[in-house]
Amino acid sequence: MIEFGPAALLGLCIGFLWGIGCSLAILYSIYLGGYRKAVEDSLLAAKPKRFTLALDKIRARRRAEMPEPHE
């Protein structure tokens, strides 16, 4: 049983790290795909409805965060 322990622990660590690495690679590729699509949408002459709604939300949030001008 002592001979099996270190090998199992090493295999578990490598398997866990491999799984985390693969998951992160998949999430990163999904993120990049969304980023590319957003850039493509921003370059279109006629903007998609979803793009304009998201842009309006961002502008409203920025207006809410801006400090009021003092007179």
Protein backbone atom coordinates (compact mmCIF):
# COMPACT_ATOMS: atom_id res chain seq x y z
CA MET A 1 0.00 0.00 0.00
CA ILE A 2 2.91 2.39 0.62
CA GLU A 3 4.10 1.95 -2.98
CA PHE A 4 0.63 2.79 -4.28
CA GLY A 5 0.17 5.99 -2.24
CA PRO A 6 2.70 8.34 -3.86
CA ALA A 7 1.80 7.18 -7.37
CA ALA A 8 -1.88 7.68 -6.69
CA LEU A 9 -1.26 11.10 -5.19
CA LEU A 10 0.88 12.11 -8.16
CA GLY A 11 -1.73 10.84 -10.60
CA LEU A 12 -4.48 12.66 -8.73
CA CYS A 13 -2.52 15.93 -8.76
CA ILE A 14 -1.65 15.65 -12.45
CA GLY A 15 -5.22 14.69 -13.34
CA PHE A 16 -6.65 17.53 -11.31
CA LEU A 17 -4.27 20.08 -12.82
CA TRP A 18 -4.90 18.71 -16.32
CA GLY A 19 -8.65 19.03 -15.79
CA ILE A 20 -8.38 22.58 -14.48
CA GLY A 21 -6.10 23.53 -17.38
CA CYS A 22 -8.50 22.10 -19.95
CA SER A 23 -11.46 23.86 -18.32
CA LEU A 24 -9.64 27.17 -18.37
CA ALA A 25 -8.66 26.69 -22.01
CA ILE A 26 -12.30 26.06 -22.94
CA LEU A 27 -13.52 29.10 -20.99
CA TYR A 28 -10.84 31.27 -22.59
CA SER A 29 -11.81 30.14 -26.10
CA ILE A 30 -15.48 30.89 -25.35
CA TYR A 31 -14.48 34.33 -24.05
CA LEU A 32 -12.41 35.07 -27.16
CA GLY A 33 -15.26 33.96 -29.42
CA GLY A 34 -17.61 36.37 -27.67
CA TYR A 35 -15.05 39.15 -27.88
CA ARG A 36 -14.57 38.62 -31.61
CA LYS A 37 -18.33 38.64 -32.15
CA ALA A 38 -18.64 41.89 -30.19
CA VAL A 39 -15.93 43.52 -32.30
CA GLU A 40 -17.61 42.32 -35.50
CA ASP A 41 -20.96 43.69 -34.29
CA SER A 42 -19.41 47.04 -33.44
CA LEU A 43 -18.08 47.40 -36.99
CA LEU A 44 -21.42 46.76 -38.69
CA ALA A 45 -23.21 49.71 -40.26
CA ALA A 46 -26.59 48.64 -38.83
CA LYS A 47 -26.04 47.59 -35.22
CA PRO A 48 -27.90 44.52 -33.89
CA LYS A 49 -30.63 45.20 -31.31
CA ARG A 50 -28.76 43.29 -28.59
CA PHE A 51 -25.64 45.40 -29.19
CA THR A 52 -27.54 48.69 -28.90
CA LEU A 53 -29.31 47.55 -25.72
CA ALA A 54 -25.99 46.58 -24.11
CA LEU A 55 -24.45 49.87 -25.19
CA ASP A 56 -27.37 51.81 -23.68
CA LYS A 57 -26.93 49.94 -20.37
CA ILE A 58 -23.23 50.76 -20.29
CA ARG A 59 -23.86 54.44 -21.03
CA ALA A 60 -26.56 54.65 -18.34
CA ARG A 61 -24.25 53.03 -15.78
CA ARG A 62 -21.44 55.45 -16.63
CA ARG A 63 -23.77 58.44 -16.35
CA ALA A 64 -24.91 57.19 -12.93
CA GLU A 65 -21.30 56.82 -11.75
CA MET A 66 -20.20 60.29 -12.89
CA PRO A 67 -20.04 62.87 -10.10
CA GLU A 68 -22.39 65.82 -10.34
CA PRO A 69 -20.74 69.08 -11.48
CA HIS A 70 -20.50 71.66 -8.70
CA GLU A 71 -21.43 75.27 -9.37
